[in-house]
N, C-alpha and C. Protein backbone atom coordinates (compact mmCIF):
# COMPACT_ATOMS: atom_id res chain seq x y z
N MET A 1 0.86 -1.18 0.00
CA MET A 1 0.00 0.00 0.00
C MET A 1 0.90 1.24 0.00
N SER A 2 0.65 2.16 -0.94
CA SER A 2 1.45 3.39 -1.01
C SER A 2 1.07 4.31 0.14
N SER A 3 1.92 5.30 0.39
CA SER A 3 1.63 6.23 1.48
C SER A 3 0.38 7.06 1.16
N ILE A 4 0.19 7.43 -0.11
CA ILE A 4 -1.03 8.17 -0.48
C ILE A 4 -2.25 7.28 -0.28
N GLU A 5 -2.15 6.03 -0.70
CA GLU A 5 -3.28 5.10 -0.56
C GLU A 5 -3.66 4.92 0.91
N GLY A 6 -2.66 4.76 1.76
CA GLY A 6 -2.93 4.62 3.19
C GLY A 6 -3.56 5.87 3.78
N HIS A 7 -3.06 7.02 3.35
CA HIS A 7 -3.60 8.29 3.84
C HIS A 7 -5.04 8.47 3.36
N ILE A 8 -5.31 8.12 2.11
CA ILE A 8 -6.68 8.20 1.58
C ILE A 8 -7.60 7.31 2.42
N ASN A 9 -7.16 6.11 2.71
CA ASN A 9 -7.98 5.18 3.52
C ASN A 9 -8.24 5.75 4.90
N ASP A 10 -7.22 6.36 5.52
CA ASP A 10 -7.40 6.95 6.85
C ASP A 10 -8.44 8.07 6.82
N LEU A 11 -8.37 8.91 5.79
CA LEU A 11 -9.33 10.02 5.68
C LEU A 11 -10.71 9.52 5.30
N LYS A 12 -10.77 8.50 4.46
CA LYS A 12 -12.06 7.94 4.04
C LYS A 12 -12.81 7.39 5.24
N ILE A 13 -12.09 6.75 6.15
CA ILE A 13 -12.71 6.22 7.37
C ILE A 13 -13.36 7.34 8.19
N LYS A 14 -12.79 8.54 8.08
CA LYS A 14 -13.35 9.70 8.80
C LYS A 14 -14.56 10.28 8.09
N GLY A 15 -14.90 9.74 6.92
CA GLY A 15 -16.11 10.17 6.23
C GLY A 15 -15.92 11.12 5.07
N TYR A 16 -14.69 11.37 4.68
CA TYR A 16 -14.46 12.28 3.56
C TYR A 16 -14.74 11.58 2.23
N CYS A 17 -15.24 12.34 1.27
CA CYS A 17 -15.55 11.81 -0.05
C CYS A 17 -14.45 12.20 -1.04
N CYS A 18 -14.65 11.79 -2.29
CA CYS A 18 -13.65 11.95 -3.36
C CYS A 18 -13.12 13.38 -3.49
N SER A 19 -14.01 14.34 -3.64
CA SER A 19 -13.57 15.73 -3.84
C SER A 19 -12.81 16.25 -2.62
N GLN A 20 -13.28 15.91 -1.45
CA GLN A 20 -12.62 16.34 -0.22
C GLN A 20 -11.23 15.71 -0.09
N LEU A 21 -11.14 14.42 -0.41
CA LEU A 21 -9.86 13.71 -0.28
C LEU A 21 -8.78 14.35 -1.16
N VAL A 22 -9.11 14.60 -2.43
CA VAL A 22 -8.12 15.17 -3.34
C VAL A 22 -7.74 16.59 -2.90
N ALA A 23 -8.73 17.40 -2.53
CA ALA A 23 -8.44 18.77 -2.13
C ALA A 23 -7.61 18.82 -0.85
N ILE A 24 -7.87 17.92 0.08
CA ILE A 24 -7.09 17.89 1.32
C ILE A 24 -5.65 17.46 1.03
N ILE A 25 -5.49 16.34 0.33
CA ILE A 25 -4.16 15.75 0.14
C ILE A 25 -3.30 16.55 -0.82
N ALA A 26 -3.88 17.04 -1.91
CA ALA A 26 -3.08 17.77 -2.90
C ALA A 26 -3.17 19.29 -2.76
N GLY A 27 -4.14 19.76 -2.01
CA GLY A 27 -4.33 21.20 -1.87
C GLY A 27 -3.93 21.76 -0.52
N LEU A 28 -4.64 21.35 0.51
CA LEU A 28 -4.42 21.93 1.84
C LEU A 28 -3.16 21.41 2.54
N GLU A 29 -2.97 20.11 2.54
CA GLU A 29 -1.84 19.55 3.29
C GLU A 29 -0.47 20.03 2.81
N PRO A 30 -0.22 20.14 1.50
CA PRO A 30 1.09 20.66 1.08
C PRO A 30 1.33 22.10 1.54
N LEU A 31 0.26 22.84 1.80
CA LEU A 31 0.38 24.21 2.31
C LEU A 31 0.42 24.23 3.83
N ASP A 32 0.31 23.03 4.45
CA ASP A 32 0.25 22.90 5.90
C ASP A 32 -0.90 23.73 6.46
N GLU A 33 -2.04 23.63 5.78
CA GLU A 33 -3.22 24.39 6.18
C GLU A 33 -4.39 23.45 6.47
N GLU A 34 -5.30 23.92 7.28
CA GLU A 34 -6.58 23.28 7.51
C GLU A 34 -7.65 24.32 7.26
N ASN A 35 -8.75 23.91 6.69
CA ASN A 35 -9.85 24.84 6.43
C ASN A 35 -11.14 24.03 6.45
N ASP A 36 -11.72 23.92 7.63
CA ASP A 36 -12.91 23.09 7.82
C ASP A 36 -14.08 23.56 6.96
N ALA A 37 -14.25 24.87 6.81
CA ALA A 37 -15.37 25.38 6.00
C ALA A 37 -15.20 24.99 4.54
N LEU A 38 -14.00 25.11 4.03
CA LEU A 38 -13.74 24.71 2.64
C LEU A 38 -13.98 23.22 2.46
N VAL A 39 -13.49 22.41 3.38
CA VAL A 39 -13.66 20.96 3.27
C VAL A 39 -15.14 20.60 3.33
N ARG A 40 -15.91 21.26 4.18
CA ARG A 40 -17.36 21.01 4.22
C ARG A 40 -18.00 21.41 2.90
N ALA A 41 -17.61 22.55 2.33
CA ALA A 41 -18.17 23.02 1.07
C ALA A 41 -17.87 22.03 -0.07
N LEU A 42 -16.71 21.41 -0.04
CA LEU A 42 -16.33 20.46 -1.08
C LEU A 42 -17.22 19.22 -1.08
N ARG A 43 -17.94 18.99 -0.01
CA ARG A 43 -18.85 17.85 0.04
C ARG A 43 -19.92 17.96 -1.04
N GLY A 44 -20.24 19.17 -1.46
CA GLY A 44 -21.22 19.37 -2.52
C GLY A 44 -20.79 18.83 -3.88
N LEU A 45 -19.50 18.53 -4.02
CA LEU A 45 -18.98 18.00 -5.27
C LEU A 45 -18.92 16.47 -5.29
N CYS A 46 -19.24 15.84 -4.17
CA CYS A 46 -19.16 14.38 -4.05
C CYS A 46 -20.07 13.68 -5.05
N ILE A 47 -19.59 12.54 -5.52
CA ILE A 47 -20.34 11.68 -6.44
C ILE A 47 -20.93 12.52 -7.59
N GLY A 48 -20.07 13.33 -8.17
CA GLY A 48 -20.52 14.14 -9.30
C GLY A 48 -21.66 15.07 -8.95
N MET A 49 -21.52 15.78 -7.84
CA MET A 49 -22.53 16.69 -7.31
C MET A 49 -23.83 15.95 -7.01
N TYR A 50 -23.65 14.70 -6.56
CA TYR A 50 -24.76 13.81 -6.20
C TYR A 50 -25.69 13.53 -7.37
N ARG A 51 -25.19 13.78 -8.60
CA ARG A 51 -25.95 13.50 -9.81
C ARG A 51 -25.12 12.69 -10.80
N LYS A 52 -23.95 12.24 -10.34
CA LYS A 52 -23.02 11.48 -11.18
C LYS A 52 -22.60 12.28 -12.42
N LYS A 53 -22.42 13.58 -12.23
CA LYS A 53 -21.94 14.45 -13.31
C LYS A 53 -20.41 14.50 -13.20
N ALA A 54 -19.80 15.68 -13.27
CA ALA A 54 -18.34 15.80 -13.22
C ALA A 54 -17.79 15.11 -11.97
N CYS A 55 -16.86 14.19 -12.18
CA CYS A 55 -16.29 13.40 -11.09
C CYS A 55 -15.74 14.29 -9.98
N GLY A 56 -16.05 13.93 -8.75
CA GLY A 56 -15.58 14.70 -7.60
C GLY A 56 -14.07 14.69 -7.45
N ALA A 57 -13.41 13.61 -7.85
CA ALA A 57 -11.95 13.59 -7.78
C ALA A 57 -11.36 14.65 -8.71
N LEU A 58 -11.94 14.80 -9.88
CA LEU A 58 -11.48 15.81 -10.83
C LEU A 58 -11.77 17.22 -10.33
N THR A 59 -13.00 17.46 -9.88
CA THR A 59 -13.33 18.81 -9.40
C THR A 59 -12.57 19.13 -8.11
N GLY A 60 -12.36 18.13 -7.27
CA GLY A 60 -11.52 18.34 -6.09
C GLY A 60 -10.09 18.65 -6.47
N GLY A 61 -9.61 18.02 -7.55
CA GLY A 61 -8.27 18.30 -8.05
C GLY A 61 -8.15 19.73 -8.56
N ALA A 62 -9.17 20.19 -9.27
CA ALA A 62 -9.16 21.58 -9.75
C ALA A 62 -9.15 22.54 -8.56
N CYS A 63 -9.89 22.22 -7.52
CA CYS A 63 -9.89 23.05 -6.30
C CYS A 63 -8.52 23.03 -5.63
N ALA A 64 -7.90 21.85 -5.59
CA ALA A 64 -6.55 21.74 -5.00
C ALA A 64 -5.57 22.61 -5.77
N LEU A 65 -5.61 22.53 -7.09
CA LEU A 65 -4.70 23.36 -7.91
C LEU A 65 -4.94 24.84 -7.66
N SER A 66 -6.20 25.22 -7.47
CA SER A 66 -6.52 26.64 -7.27
C SER A 66 -6.01 27.18 -5.94
N LEU A 67 -5.70 26.30 -5.01
CA LEU A 67 -5.10 26.75 -3.75
C LEU A 67 -3.62 27.13 -3.93
N HIS A 68 -3.02 26.66 -5.01
CA HIS A 68 -1.59 26.89 -5.25
C HIS A 68 -1.31 27.83 -6.42
N LEU A 69 -2.24 27.95 -7.34
CA LEU A 69 -2.02 28.67 -8.59
C LEU A 69 -3.08 29.73 -8.79
N GLN A 70 -2.81 30.65 -9.70
CA GLN A 70 -3.82 31.64 -10.06
C GLN A 70 -3.60 32.08 -11.50
N GLY A 71 -4.55 32.79 -12.04
CA GLY A 71 -4.44 33.35 -13.38
C GLY A 71 -4.25 32.30 -14.46
N ASN A 72 -3.39 32.62 -15.43
CA ASN A 72 -3.16 31.73 -16.56
C ASN A 72 -2.57 30.39 -16.14
N SER A 73 -1.75 30.39 -15.08
CA SER A 73 -1.17 29.14 -14.60
C SER A 73 -2.26 28.19 -14.14
N LEU A 74 -3.26 28.72 -13.45
CA LEU A 74 -4.37 27.89 -12.98
C LEU A 74 -5.19 27.39 -14.17
N THR A 75 -5.49 28.26 -15.10
CA THR A 75 -6.26 27.86 -16.28
C THR A 75 -5.57 26.73 -17.02
N THR A 76 -4.29 26.90 -17.26
CA THR A 76 -3.51 25.88 -17.97
C THR A 76 -3.48 24.58 -17.20
N ALA A 77 -3.25 24.66 -15.90
CA ALA A 77 -3.17 23.45 -15.07
C ALA A 77 -4.51 22.71 -15.03
N CYS A 78 -5.61 23.44 -14.91
CA CYS A 78 -6.92 22.79 -14.89
C CYS A 78 -7.22 22.12 -16.22
N ARG A 79 -6.86 22.76 -17.31
CA ARG A 79 -7.05 22.14 -18.63
C ARG A 79 -6.21 20.88 -18.75
N GLU A 80 -4.95 20.96 -18.30
CA GLU A 80 -4.07 19.80 -18.37
C GLU A 80 -4.60 18.66 -17.50
N LEU A 81 -5.06 18.98 -16.31
CA LEU A 81 -5.61 17.95 -15.42
C LEU A 81 -6.83 17.29 -16.06
N THR A 82 -7.71 18.08 -16.63
CA THR A 82 -8.93 17.54 -17.25
C THR A 82 -8.59 16.66 -18.44
N GLU A 83 -7.66 17.11 -19.27
CA GLU A 83 -7.25 16.30 -20.42
C GLU A 83 -6.62 14.99 -19.97
N TRP A 84 -5.75 15.06 -18.96
CA TRP A 84 -5.14 13.84 -18.42
C TRP A 84 -6.21 12.91 -17.88
N PHE A 85 -7.14 13.44 -17.10
CA PHE A 85 -8.18 12.66 -16.45
C PHE A 85 -9.03 11.93 -17.50
N GLU A 86 -9.49 12.67 -18.49
CA GLU A 86 -10.33 12.06 -19.52
C GLU A 86 -9.56 11.00 -20.31
N GLY A 87 -8.29 11.28 -20.60
CA GLY A 87 -7.48 10.29 -21.29
C GLY A 87 -7.23 9.05 -20.45
N ARG A 88 -7.02 9.24 -19.18
CA ARG A 88 -6.70 8.13 -18.27
C ARG A 88 -7.92 7.27 -17.96
N PHE A 89 -9.06 7.92 -17.71
CA PHE A 89 -10.24 7.18 -17.24
C PHE A 89 -11.35 7.07 -18.29
N GLY A 90 -11.20 7.75 -19.42
CA GLY A 90 -12.16 7.62 -20.51
C GLY A 90 -13.33 8.57 -20.45
N SER A 91 -13.50 9.28 -19.35
CA SER A 91 -14.60 10.22 -19.18
C SER A 91 -14.31 11.10 -17.97
N VAL A 92 -14.96 12.23 -17.91
CA VAL A 92 -14.87 13.07 -16.71
C VAL A 92 -16.13 12.91 -15.85
N ASP A 93 -17.11 12.16 -16.35
CA ASP A 93 -18.37 12.03 -15.64
C ASP A 93 -18.39 10.80 -14.74
N CYS A 94 -18.83 11.03 -13.54
CA CYS A 94 -18.94 9.98 -12.53
C CYS A 94 -19.79 8.81 -13.03
N LYS A 95 -20.88 9.09 -13.70
CA LYS A 95 -21.77 8.01 -14.17
C LYS A 95 -21.06 7.06 -15.11
N ASP A 96 -20.12 7.57 -15.89
CA ASP A 96 -19.37 6.71 -16.79
C ASP A 96 -18.32 5.88 -16.05
N LEU A 97 -17.87 6.39 -14.93
CA LEU A 97 -16.83 5.70 -14.16
C LEU A 97 -17.41 4.64 -13.23
N ILE A 98 -18.54 4.95 -12.59
CA ILE A 98 -19.08 4.00 -11.60
C ILE A 98 -20.33 3.28 -12.07
N GLY A 99 -20.86 3.66 -13.21
CA GLY A 99 -22.03 2.98 -13.75
C GLY A 99 -23.26 3.16 -12.89
N ASP A 100 -23.96 2.06 -12.64
CA ASP A 100 -25.23 2.11 -11.92
C ASP A 100 -25.09 2.02 -10.40
N ALA A 101 -23.88 1.98 -9.90
CA ALA A 101 -23.70 1.91 -8.45
C ALA A 101 -24.39 3.11 -7.79
N ALA A 102 -25.02 2.87 -6.68
CA ALA A 102 -25.76 3.93 -5.99
C ALA A 102 -24.83 4.99 -5.41
N GLY A 103 -23.65 4.58 -5.03
CA GLY A 103 -22.68 5.50 -4.45
C GLY A 103 -21.30 5.18 -4.95
N PRO A 104 -20.28 5.63 -4.25
CA PRO A 104 -18.91 5.39 -4.70
C PRO A 104 -18.60 3.90 -4.87
N ALA A 105 -17.91 3.59 -5.93
CA ALA A 105 -17.52 2.21 -6.22
C ALA A 105 -16.04 2.03 -5.91
N MET A 106 -15.56 0.82 -5.99
CA MET A 106 -14.14 0.55 -5.71
C MET A 106 -13.22 1.35 -6.62
N ILE A 107 -13.64 1.58 -7.86
CA ILE A 107 -12.81 2.34 -8.78
C ILE A 107 -12.55 3.76 -8.24
N CYS A 108 -13.46 4.27 -7.45
CA CYS A 108 -13.31 5.65 -6.97
C CYS A 108 -12.01 5.86 -6.21
N MET A 109 -11.62 4.90 -5.40
CA MET A 109 -10.38 5.08 -4.63
C MET A 109 -9.16 5.09 -5.54
N ASP A 110 -9.19 4.30 -6.60
CA ASP A 110 -8.10 4.33 -7.58
C ASP A 110 -8.06 5.68 -8.29
N VAL A 111 -9.23 6.19 -8.65
CA VAL A 111 -9.32 7.48 -9.32
C VAL A 111 -8.82 8.59 -8.39
N VAL A 112 -9.24 8.55 -7.13
CA VAL A 112 -8.79 9.54 -6.15
C VAL A 112 -7.27 9.47 -5.99
N GLN A 113 -6.74 8.27 -5.84
CA GLN A 113 -5.30 8.11 -5.63
C GLN A 113 -4.51 8.65 -6.83
N GLU A 114 -4.92 8.26 -8.02
CA GLU A 114 -4.19 8.71 -9.21
C GLU A 114 -4.34 10.21 -9.43
N THR A 115 -5.50 10.77 -9.12
CA THR A 115 -5.71 12.20 -9.28
C THR A 115 -4.89 12.98 -8.27
N CYS A 116 -4.82 12.50 -7.04
CA CYS A 116 -3.93 13.13 -6.05
C CYS A 116 -2.50 13.14 -6.55
N GLY A 117 -2.05 11.98 -7.03
CA GLY A 117 -0.68 11.87 -7.54
C GLY A 117 -0.42 12.81 -8.70
N LYS A 118 -1.38 12.91 -9.62
CA LYS A 118 -1.21 13.79 -10.78
C LYS A 118 -1.15 15.24 -10.35
N CYS A 119 -2.03 15.66 -9.45
CA CYS A 119 -2.02 17.04 -8.97
C CYS A 119 -0.70 17.38 -8.28
N LEU A 120 -0.23 16.48 -7.43
CA LEU A 120 1.04 16.72 -6.73
C LEU A 120 2.20 16.77 -7.72
N GLU A 121 2.17 15.89 -8.72
CA GLU A 121 3.20 15.90 -9.76
C GLU A 121 3.20 17.22 -10.53
N MET A 122 2.03 17.69 -10.90
CA MET A 122 1.92 18.96 -11.62
C MET A 122 2.43 20.12 -10.77
N LEU A 123 2.07 20.13 -9.50
CA LEU A 123 2.49 21.21 -8.62
C LEU A 123 4.02 21.19 -8.41
N MET A 124 4.60 19.99 -8.35
CA MET A 124 6.07 19.90 -8.24
C MET A 124 6.73 20.43 -9.49
N GLU A 125 6.19 20.06 -10.65
CA GLU A 125 6.75 20.53 -11.92
C GLU A 125 6.67 22.06 -12.05
N LEU A 126 5.68 22.66 -11.41
CA LEU A 126 5.50 24.11 -11.44
C LEU A 126 6.21 24.80 -10.28
N ASP A 127 7.01 24.03 -9.52
CA ASP A 127 7.76 24.54 -8.37
C ASP A 127 6.87 25.16 -7.30
N CYS A 128 5.69 24.58 -7.13
CA CYS A 128 4.77 25.04 -6.09
C CYS A 128 4.93 24.25 -4.79
N LEU A 129 5.65 23.14 -4.85
CA LEU A 129 5.85 22.31 -3.66
C LEU A 129 7.32 22.19 -3.36
């Protein structure tokens, strides 16, 4: 089990969802920050905004990037993340990733883990970490 995977599992046990997990691990923690209000607000992005629309791991990743970047750098990074995500998983929509499952499926943790890794990799390449 990788350190990110173990950390995701620890946070998942506390009740955090996909968008919250990515934003915490790739956004807040590298800044050594906590923001309970932001983390609560990110719950609205879970399971594709509870409609299986845009995947929460992706939208949480965009939120994580926005904590580190601004302006054109943020725009470029969000586009790159979205292109990577769609290429890697075949869709940006939760319904396409989890199918008819009522809630998060096993694939979600893989998507969260890989999206955290991609966001952290991008931020390192941009000398933000």
